[in-house]
């Protein structure tokens, strides 16, 4: 499971193998590109996202399980990398 800084959270209203939707959010286009999303013990890398009113994240895949719905957290990767 990745370690990351919390940037946003909410409740997913739908998800599929490579997407997650939150109709209650208010995002800008591609605001979360390059971030990670964590939901119900699974996580995914965010490839892109649409703006309101649909607010759809496109992700690479859910690890280890998916698709799922519930409360999510979006954040930026904070993993420590050694030189």
PDB file of N, CA and C in Angstrom:
ATOM      1  N   UNK A   1       0.841  -1.172   0.000  1.00  0.00           N
ATOM      2  CA  UNK A   1       0.000   0.000   0.000  1.00  0.00           C
ATOM      3  C   UNK A   1       0.891   1.241   0.000  1.00  0.00           C
ATOM      4  N   UNK A   2       0.574   2.217  -0.840  1.00  0.00           N
ATOM      5  CA  UNK A   2       1.417   3.413  -0.925  1.00  0.00           C
ATOM      6  C   UNK A   2       1.269   4.324   0.291  1.00  0.00           C
ATOM      7  N   UNK A   3       2.289   5.126   0.538  1.00  0.00           N
ATOM      8  CA  UNK A   3       2.248   6.170   1.553  1.00  0.00           C
ATOM      9  C   UNK A   3       2.131   7.484   0.813  1.00  0.00           C
ATOM     10  N   UNK A   4       1.137   8.303   1.153  1.00  0.00           N
ATOM     11  CA  UNK A   4       0.970   9.560   0.439  1.00  0.00           C
ATOM     12  C   UNK A   4       0.319  10.617   1.305  1.00  0.00           C
ATOM     13  N   UNK A   5       0.459  11.861   0.847  1.00  0.00           N
ATOM     14  CA  UNK A   5      -0.167  12.983   1.543  1.00  0.00           C
ATOM     15  C   UNK A   5      -1.629  13.087   1.105  1.00  0.00           C
ATOM     16  N   UNK A   6      -2.502  13.361   2.036  1.00  0.00           N
ATOM     17  CA  UNK A   6      -3.935  13.466   1.751  1.00  0.00           C
ATOM     18  C   UNK A   6      -4.226  14.817   1.098  1.00  0.00           C
ATOM     19  N   UNK A   7      -4.782  14.772  -0.106  1.00  0.00           N
ATOM     20  CA  UNK A   7      -5.133  15.989  -0.845  1.00  0.00           C
ATOM     21  C   UNK A   7      -6.646  16.195  -0.920  1.00  0.00           C
ATOM     22  N   UNK A   8      -7.403  15.096  -0.982  1.00  0.00           N
ATOM     23  CA  UNK A   8      -8.863  15.184  -1.108  1.00  0.00           C
ATOM     24  C   UNK A   8      -9.471  13.876  -0.634  1.00  0.00           C
ATOM     25  N   UNK A   9     -10.749  13.915  -0.319  1.00  0.00           N
ATOM     26  CA  UNK A   9     -11.465  12.697   0.055  1.00  0.00           C
ATOM     27  C   UNK A   9     -12.935  12.866  -0.295  1.00  0.00           C
ATOM     28  N   UNK A  10     -13.650  11.762  -0.284  1.00  0.00           N
ATOM     29  CA  UNK A  10     -15.063  11.787  -0.611  1.00  0.00           C
ATOM     30  C   UNK A  10     -15.620  10.390  -0.639  1.00  0.00           C
ATOM     31  N   UNK A  11     -16.780  10.222  -1.270  1.00  0.00           N
ATOM     32  CA  UNK A  11     -17.406   8.918  -1.401  1.00  0.00           C
ATOM     33  C   UNK A  11     -17.649   8.634  -2.870  1.00  0.00           C
ATOM     34  N   UNK A  12     -17.120   7.512  -3.333  1.00  0.00           N
ATOM     35  CA  UNK A  12     -17.299   7.112  -4.736  1.00  0.00           C
ATOM     36  C   UNK A  12     -18.755   6.714  -4.956  1.00  0.00           C
ATOM     37  N   UNK A  13     -19.339   7.225  -6.032  1.00  0.00           N
ATOM     38  CA  UNK A  13     -20.708   6.876  -6.377  1.00  0.00           C
ATOM     39  C   UNK A  13     -20.755   5.739  -7.385  1.00  0.00           C
ATOM     40  N   UNK A  14     -19.613   5.431  -8.023  1.00  0.00           N
ATOM     41  CA  UNK A  14     -19.504   4.312  -8.963  1.00  0.00           C
ATOM     42  C   UNK A  14     -18.028   4.043  -9.212  1.00  0.00           C
ATOM     43  N   UNK A  15     -17.724   2.830  -9.629  1.00  0.00           N
ATOM     44  CA  UNK A  15     -16.364   2.518 -10.062  1.00  0.00           C
ATOM     45  C   UNK A  15     -16.409   1.340 -11.023  1.00  0.00           C
ATOM     46  N   UNK A  16     -15.339   1.209 -11.795  1.00  0.00           N
ATOM     47  CA  UNK A  16     -15.185   0.106 -12.736  1.00  0.00           C
ATOM     48  C   UNK A  16     -13.718  -0.286 -12.706  1.00  0.00           C
ATOM     49  N   UNK A  17     -13.318  -1.168 -13.583  1.00  0.00           N
ATOM     50  CA  UNK A  17     -11.942  -1.662 -13.593  1.00  0.00           C
ATOM     51  C   UNK A  17     -10.934  -0.523 -13.681  1.00  0.00           C
ATOM     52  N   UNK A  18     -11.247   0.515 -14.465  1.00  0.00           N
ATOM     53  CA  UNK A  18     -10.267   1.597 -14.648  1.00  0.00           C
ATOM     54  C   UNK A  18     -10.825   2.994 -14.384  1.00  0.00           C
ATOM     55  N   UNK A  19     -11.926   3.096 -13.631  1.00  0.00           N
ATOM     56  CA  UNK A  19     -12.496   4.409 -13.314  1.00  0.00           C
ATOM     57  C   UNK A  19     -13.083   4.435 -11.909  1.00  0.00           C
ATOM     58  N   UNK A  20     -13.261   5.650 -11.403  1.00  0.00           N
ATOM     59  CA  UNK A  20     -13.980   5.899 -10.163  1.00  0.00           C
ATOM     60  C   UNK A  20     -14.718   7.223 -10.336  1.00  0.00           C
ATOM     61  N   UNK A  21     -15.983   7.280  -9.943  1.00  0.00           N
ATOM     62  CA  UNK A  21     -16.808   8.477 -10.091  1.00  0.00           C
ATOM     63  C   UNK A  21     -17.259   8.988  -8.732  1.00  0.00           C
ATOM     64  N   UNK A  22     -17.213  10.314  -8.560  1.00  0.00           N
ATOM     65  CA  UNK A  22     -17.773  10.963  -7.370  1.00  0.00           C
ATOM     66  C   UNK A  22     -18.577  12.163  -7.847  1.00  0.00           C
ATOM     67  N   UNK A  23     -19.892  12.003  -7.967  1.00  0.00           N
ATOM     68  CA  UNK A  23     -20.739  13.083  -8.479  1.00  0.00           C
ATOM     69  C   UNK A  23     -20.885  14.233  -7.496  1.00  0.00           C
ATOM     70  N   UNK A  24     -20.439  14.057  -6.253  1.00  0.00           N
ATOM     71  CA  UNK A  24     -20.524  15.121  -5.259  1.00  0.00           C
ATOM     72  C   UNK A  24     -19.268  15.974  -5.159  1.00  0.00           C
ATOM     73  N   UNK A  25     -18.222  15.615  -5.897  1.00  0.00           N
ATOM     74  CA  UNK A  25     -16.956  16.354  -5.832  1.00  0.00           C
ATOM     75  C   UNK A  25     -16.972  17.555  -6.775  1.00  0.00           C
ATOM     76  N   UNK A  26     -15.954  18.389  -6.667  1.00  0.00           N
ATOM     77  CA  UNK A  26     -15.819  19.551  -7.542  1.00  0.00           C
ATOM     78  C   UNK A  26     -14.349  19.666  -7.957  1.00  0.00           C
ATOM     79  N   UNK A  27     -13.965  18.888  -8.965  1.00  0.00           N
ATOM     80  CA  UNK A  27     -12.578  18.829  -9.414  1.00  0.00           C
ATOM     81  C   UNK A  27     -12.369  19.658 -10.670  1.00  0.00           C
ATOM     82  N   UNK A  28     -11.139  20.051 -10.913  1.00  0.00           N
ATOM     83  CA  UNK A  28     -10.719  20.644 -12.181  1.00  0.00           C
ATOM     84  C   UNK A  28     -10.208  19.522 -13.071  1.00  0.00           C
ATOM     85  N   UNK A  29     -10.244  19.710 -14.377  1.00  0.00           N
ATOM     86  CA  UNK A  29      -9.735  18.699 -15.302  1.00  0.00           C
ATOM     87  C   UNK A  29      -8.279  18.374 -14.995  1.00  0.00           C
ATOM     88  N   UNK A  30      -7.982  17.092 -14.904  1.00  0.00           N
ATOM     89  CA  UNK A  30      -6.632  16.565 -14.665  1.00  0.00           C
ATOM     90  C   UNK A  30      -5.972  17.079 -13.387  1.00  0.00           C
ATOM     91  N   UNK A  31      -6.756  17.520 -12.442  1.00  0.00           N
ATOM     92  CA  UNK A  31      -6.247  17.990 -11.152  1.00  0.00           C
ATOM     93  C   UNK A  31      -5.498  16.895 -10.407  1.00  0.00           C
ATOM     94  N   UNK A  32      -5.914  15.636 -10.570  1.00  0.00           N
ATOM     95  CA  UNK A  32      -5.335  14.538  -9.799  1.00  0.00           C
ATOM     96  C   UNK A  32      -4.407  13.640 -10.612  1.00  0.00           C
ATOM     97  N   UNK A  33      -4.074  14.023 -11.831  1.00  0.00           N
ATOM     98  CA  UNK A  33      -3.150  13.239 -12.647  1.00  0.00           C
ATOM     99  C   UNK A  33      -1.825  13.055 -11.905  1.00  0.00           C
ATOM    100  N   UNK A  34      -1.354  11.815 -11.840  1.00  0.00           N
ATOM    101  CA  UNK A  34      -0.102  11.517 -11.161  1.00  0.00           C
ATOM    102  C   UNK A  34      -0.255  11.209  -9.677  1.00  0.00           C
ATOM    103  N   UNK A  35      -1.466  11.343  -9.140  1.00  0.00           N
ATOM    104  CA  UNK A  35      -1.712  11.037  -7.728  1.00  0.00           C
ATOM    105  C   UNK A  35      -2.106   9.570  -7.573  1.00  0.00           C
ATOM    106  N   UNK A  36      -2.360   9.183  -6.335  1.00  0.00           N
ATOM    107  CA  UNK A  36      -2.863   7.856  -6.024  1.00  0.00           C
ATOM    108  C   UNK A  36      -4.212   8.016  -5.325  1.00  0.00           C
ATOM    109  N   UNK A  37      -5.063   7.013  -5.477  1.00  0.00           N
ATOM    110  CA  UNK A  37      -6.347   7.002  -4.789  1.00  0.00           C
ATOM    111  C   UNK A  37      -6.421   5.710  -3.979  1.00  0.00           C
ATOM    112  N   UNK A  38      -6.863   5.830  -2.734  1.00  0.00           N
ATOM    113  CA  UNK A  38      -6.993   4.700  -1.813  1.00  0.00           C
ATOM    114  C   UNK A  38      -8.456   4.570  -1.430  1.00  0.00           C
ATOM    115  N   UNK A  39      -9.002   3.345  -1.556  1.00  0.00           N
ATOM    116  CA  UNK A  39     -10.409   3.140  -1.235  1.00  0.00           C
ATOM    117  C   UNK A  39     -10.617   1.688  -0.804  1.00  0.00           C
ATOM    118  N   UNK A  40     -11.186   1.512   0.386  1.00  0.00           N
ATOM    119  CA  UNK A  40     -11.537   0.185   0.912  1.00  0.00           C
ATOM    120  C   UNK A  40     -10.375  -0.802   0.860  1.00  0.00           C
ATOM    121  N   UNK A  41      -9.178  -0.339   1.175  1.00  0.00           N
ATOM    122  CA  UNK A  41      -8.013  -1.209   1.201  1.00  0.00           C
ATOM    123  C   UNK A  41      -7.358  -1.439  -0.138  1.00  0.00           C
ATOM    124  N   UNK A  42      -7.912  -0.904  -1.206  1.00  0.00           N
ATOM    125  CA  UNK A  42      -7.319  -0.995  -2.539  1.00  0.00           C
ATOM    126  C   UNK A  42      -6.793   0.370  -2.948  1.00  0.00           C
ATOM    127  N   UNK A  43      -5.862   0.389  -3.907  1.00  0.00           N
ATOM    128  CA  UNK A  43      -5.329   1.661  -4.380  1.00  0.00           C
ATOM    129  C   UNK A  43      -5.104   1.590  -5.874  1.00  0.00           C
ATOM    130  N   UNK A  44      -4.951   2.767  -6.498  1.00  0.00           N
ATOM    131  CA  UNK A  44      -4.704   2.860  -7.938  1.00  0.00           C
ATOM    132  C   UNK A  44      -3.948   4.146  -8.234  1.00  0.00           C
ATOM    133  N   UNK A  45      -3.242   4.159  -9.355  1.00  0.00           N
ATOM    134  CA  UNK A  45      -2.570   5.357  -9.858  1.00  0.00           C
ATOM    135  C   UNK A  45      -3.552   6.120 -10.732  1.00  0.00           C
ATOM    136  N   UNK A  46      -3.678   7.432 -10.517  1.00  0.00           N
ATOM    137  CA  UNK A  46      -4.598   8.255 -11.299  1.00  0.00           C
ATOM    138  C   UNK A  46      -3.902   8.679 -12.597  1.00  0.00           C
ATOM    139  N   UNK A  47      -4.507   8.321 -13.729  1.00  0.00           N
ATOM    140  CA  UNK A  47      -3.973   8.687 -15.050  1.00  0.00           C
ATOM    141  C   UNK A  47      -4.525  10.021 -15.528  1.00  0.00           C
ATOM    142  N   UNK A  48      -5.802  10.309 -15.181  1.00  0.00           N
ATOM    143  CA  UNK A  48      -6.440  11.580 -15.551  1.00  0.00           C
ATOM    144  C   UNK A  48      -7.753  11.685 -14.793  1.00  0.00           C
ATOM    145  N   UNK A  49      -8.376  12.856 -14.872  1.00  0.00           N
ATOM    146  CA  UNK A  49      -9.722  13.008 -14.314  1.00  0.00           C
ATOM    147  C   UNK A  49     -10.479  14.087 -15.059  1.00  0.00           C
ATOM    148  N   UNK A  50     -11.802  13.948 -15.040  1.00  0.00           N
ATOM    149  CA  UNK A  50     -12.669  14.952 -15.652  1.00  0.00           C
ATOM    150  C   UNK A  50     -13.091  15.954 -14.578  1.00  0.00           C
ATOM    151  N   UNK A  51     -13.667  17.053 -15.020  1.00  0.00           N
ATOM    152  CA  UNK A  51     -14.152  18.100 -14.113  1.00  0.00           C
ATOM    153  C   UNK A  51     -15.619  17.849 -13.763  1.00  0.00           C
ATOM    154  N   UNK A  52     -16.139  18.670 -12.840  1.00  0.00           N
ATOM    155  CA  UNK A  52     -17.545  18.604 -12.450  1.00  0.00           C
ATOM    156  C   UNK A  52     -18.415  18.822 -13.690  1.00  0.00           C
ATOM    157  N   UNK A  53     -19.579  18.262 -13.785  1.00  0.00           N
ATOM    158  CA  UNK A  53     -20.335  17.626 -12.719  1.00  0.00           C
ATOM    159  C   UNK A  53     -20.104  16.116 -12.557  1.00  0.00           C
ATOM    160  N   UNK A  54     -19.430  15.444 -13.504  1.00  0.00           N
ATOM    161  CA  UNK A  54     -19.279  13.989 -13.379  1.00  0.00           C
ATOM    162  C   UNK A  54     -18.134  13.560 -12.474  1.00  0.00           C
ATOM    163  N   UNK A  55     -16.979  14.226 -12.537  1.00  0.00           N
ATOM    164  CA  UNK A  55     -15.836  13.900 -11.684  1.00  0.00           C
ATOM    165  C   UNK A  55     -15.444  12.427 -11.769  1.00  0.00           C
ATOM    166  N   UNK A  56     -14.884  12.043 -12.911  1.00  0.00           N
ATOM    167  CA  UNK A  56     -14.459  10.666 -13.136  1.00  0.00           C
ATOM    168  C   UNK A  56     -12.938  10.597 -13.120  1.00  0.00           C
ATOM    169  N   UNK A  57     -12.379   9.743 -12.248  1.00  0.00           N
ATOM    170  CA  UNK A  57     -10.948   9.450 -12.260  1.00  0.00           C
ATOM    171  C   UNK A  57     -10.720   8.277 -13.194  1.00  0.00           C
ATOM    172  N   UNK A  58      -9.734   8.378 -14.067  1.00  0.00           N
ATOM    173  CA  UNK A  58      -9.288   7.235 -14.848  1.00  0.00           C
ATOM    174  C   UNK A  58      -8.028   6.724 -14.174  1.00  0.00           C
ATOM    175  N   UNK A  59      -8.017   5.443 -13.823  1.00  0.00           N
ATOM    176  CA  UNK A  59      -6.899   4.847 -13.091  1.00  0.00           C
ATOM    177  C   UNK A  59      -6.312   3.696 -13.895  1.00  0.00           C
ATOM    178  N   UNK A  60      -5.082   3.286 -13.514  1.00  0.00           N
ATOM    179  CA  UNK A  60      -4.466   2.167 -14.221  1.00  0.00           C
ATOM    180  C   UNK A  60      -5.170   0.848 -13.886  1.00  0.00           C
ATOM    181  N   UNK A  61      -5.374   0.563 -12.630  1.00  0.00           N
ATOM    182  CA  UNK A  61      -6.084  -0.631 -12.156  1.00  0.00           C
ATOM    183  C   UNK A  61      -6.150  -0.557 -10.639  1.00  0.00           C
ATOM    184  N   UNK A  62      -7.101  -1.242 -10.051  1.00  0.00           N
ATOM    185  CA  UNK A  62      -7.223  -1.298  -8.593  1.00  0.00           C
ATOM    186  C   UNK A  62      -6.389  -2.451  -8.066  1.00  0.00           C
ATOM    187  N   UNK A  63      -5.561  -2.178  -7.056  1.00  0.00           N
ATOM    188  CA  UNK A  63      -4.720  -3.208  -6.443  1.00  0.00           C
ATOM    189  C   UNK A  63      -5.075  -3.337  -4.977  1.00  0.00           C
ATOM    190  N   UNK A  64      -5.318  -4.426  -4.377  1.00  0.00           N
ATOM    191  CA  UNK A  64      -5.359  -5.734  -5.001  1.00  0.00           C
ATOM    192  C   UNK A  64      -6.732  -6.105  -5.546  1.00  0.00           C
ATOM    193  N   UNK A  65      -7.778  -5.340  -5.205  1.00  0.00           N
ATOM    194  CA  UNK A  65      -9.139  -5.677  -5.627  1.00  0.00           C
ATOM    195  C   UNK A  65      -9.802  -4.526  -6.356  1.00  0.00           C
ATOM    196  N   UNK A  66     -10.822  -4.798  -7.100  1.00  0.00           N
ATOM    197  CA  UNK A  66     -11.598  -3.751  -7.739  1.00  0.00           C
ATOM    198  C   UNK A  66     -12.613  -4.370  -8.674  1.00  0.00           C
ATOM    199  N   UNK A  67     -13.574  -3.628  -9.188  1.00  0.00           N
ATOM    200  CA  UNK A  67     -13.937  -2.272  -8.773  1.00  0.00           C
ATOM    201  C   UNK A  67     -14.674  -2.284  -7.430  1.00  0.00           C
ATOM    202  N   UNK A  68     -14.611  -1.173  -6.747  1.00  0.00           N
ATOM    203  CA  UNK A  68     -15.192  -1.045  -5.421  1.00  0.00           C
ATOM    204  C   UNK A  68     -15.812   0.348  -5.274  1.00  0.00           C
ATOM    205  N   UNK A  69     -16.603   0.555  -4.253  1.00  0.00           N
ATOM    206  CA  UNK A  69     -17.118   1.892  -3.937  1.00  0.00           C
ATOM    207  C   UNK A  69     -16.970   2.114  -2.441  1.00  0.00           C
ATOM    208  N   UNK A  70     -17.119   3.349  -2.030  1.00  0.00           N
ATOM    209  CA  UNK A  70     -17.003   3.693  -0.623  1.00  0.00           C
ATOM    210  C   UNK A  70     -16.228   4.982  -0.464  1.00  0.00           C
ATOM    211  N   UNK A  71     -15.733   5.217   0.736  1.00  0.00           N
ATOM    212  CA  UNK A  71     -14.962   6.411   1.026  1.00  0.00           C
ATOM    213  C   UNK A  71     -13.565   6.266   0.441  1.00  0.00           C
ATOM    214  N   UNK A  72     -13.067   7.339  -0.185  1.00  0.00           N
ATOM    215  CA  UNK A  72     -11.744   7.308  -0.806  1.00  0.00           C
ATOM    216  C   UNK A  72     -10.906   8.484  -0.321  1.00  0.00           C
ATOM    217  N   UNK A  73      -9.605   8.369  -0.535  1.00  0.00           N
ATOM    218  CA  UNK A  73      -8.657   9.448  -0.289  1.00  0.00           C
ATOM    219  C   UNK A  73      -7.764   9.554  -1.517  1.00  0.00           C
ATOM    220  N   UNK A  74      -7.536  10.780  -1.988  1.00  0.00           N
ATOM    221  CA  UNK A  74      -6.605  11.037  -3.086  1.00  0.00           C
ATOM    222  C   UNK A  74      -5.397  11.740  -2.500  1.00  0.00           C
ATOM    223  N   UNK A  75      -4.209  11.322  -2.916  1.00  0.00           N
ATOM    224  CA  UNK A  75      -3.006  11.946  -2.395  1.00  0.00           C
ATOM    225  C   UNK A  75      -1.832  11.849  -3.339  1.00  0.00           C
ATOM    226  N   UNK A  76      -0.800  12.569  -2.988  1.00  0.00           N
ATOM    227  CA  UNK A  76       0.446  12.550  -3.759  1.00  0.00           C
ATOM    228  C   UNK A  76       1.411  11.574  -3.110  1.00  0.00           C
ATOM    229  N   UNK A  77       2.180  10.883  -3.923  1.00  0.00           N
ATOM    230  CA  UNK A  77       3.118   9.869  -3.464  1.00  0.00           C
ATOM    231  C   UNK A  77       4.181  10.488  -2.563  1.00  0.00           C
ATOM    232  N   UNK A  78       4.371   9.912  -1.389  1.00  0.00           N
ATOM    233  CA  UNK A  78       5.380  10.409  -0.440  1.00  0.00           C
ATOM    234  C   UNK A  78       6.409   9.335  -0.129  1.00  0.00           C
ATOM    235  N   UNK A  79       6.490   8.311  -0.958  1.00  0.00           N
ATOM    236  CA  UNK A  79       7.438   7.233  -0.697  1.00  0.00           C
ATOM    237  C   UNK A  79       8.845   7.769  -0.671  1.00  0.00           C
ATOM    238  N   UNK A  80       9.637   7.306   0.283  1.00  0.00           N
ATOM    239  CA  UNK A  80      11.032   7.735   0.406  1.00  0.00           C
ATOM    240  C   UNK A  80      11.866   6.921  -0.561  1.00  0.00           C
ATOM    241  N   UNK A  81      12.627   7.610  -1.389  1.00  0.00           N
ATOM    242  CA  UNK A  81      13.480   6.928  -2.353  1.00  0.00           C
ATOM    243  C   UNK A  81      14.933   7.107  -1.956  1.00  0.00           C
ATOM    244  N   UNK A  82      15.665   6.028  -1.958  1.00  0.00           N
ATOM    245  CA  UNK A  82      17.087   6.099  -1.625  1.00  0.00           C
ATOM    246  C   UNK A  82      17.894   6.296  -2.880  1.00  0.00           C
ATOM    247  N   UNK A  83      19.002   7.039  -2.748  1.00  0.00           N
ATOM    248  CA  UNK A  83      19.883   7.283  -3.894  1.00  0.00           C
ATOM    249  C   UNK A  83      20.831   6.133  -4.085  1.00  0.00           C
TER     250      UNK A  83
END
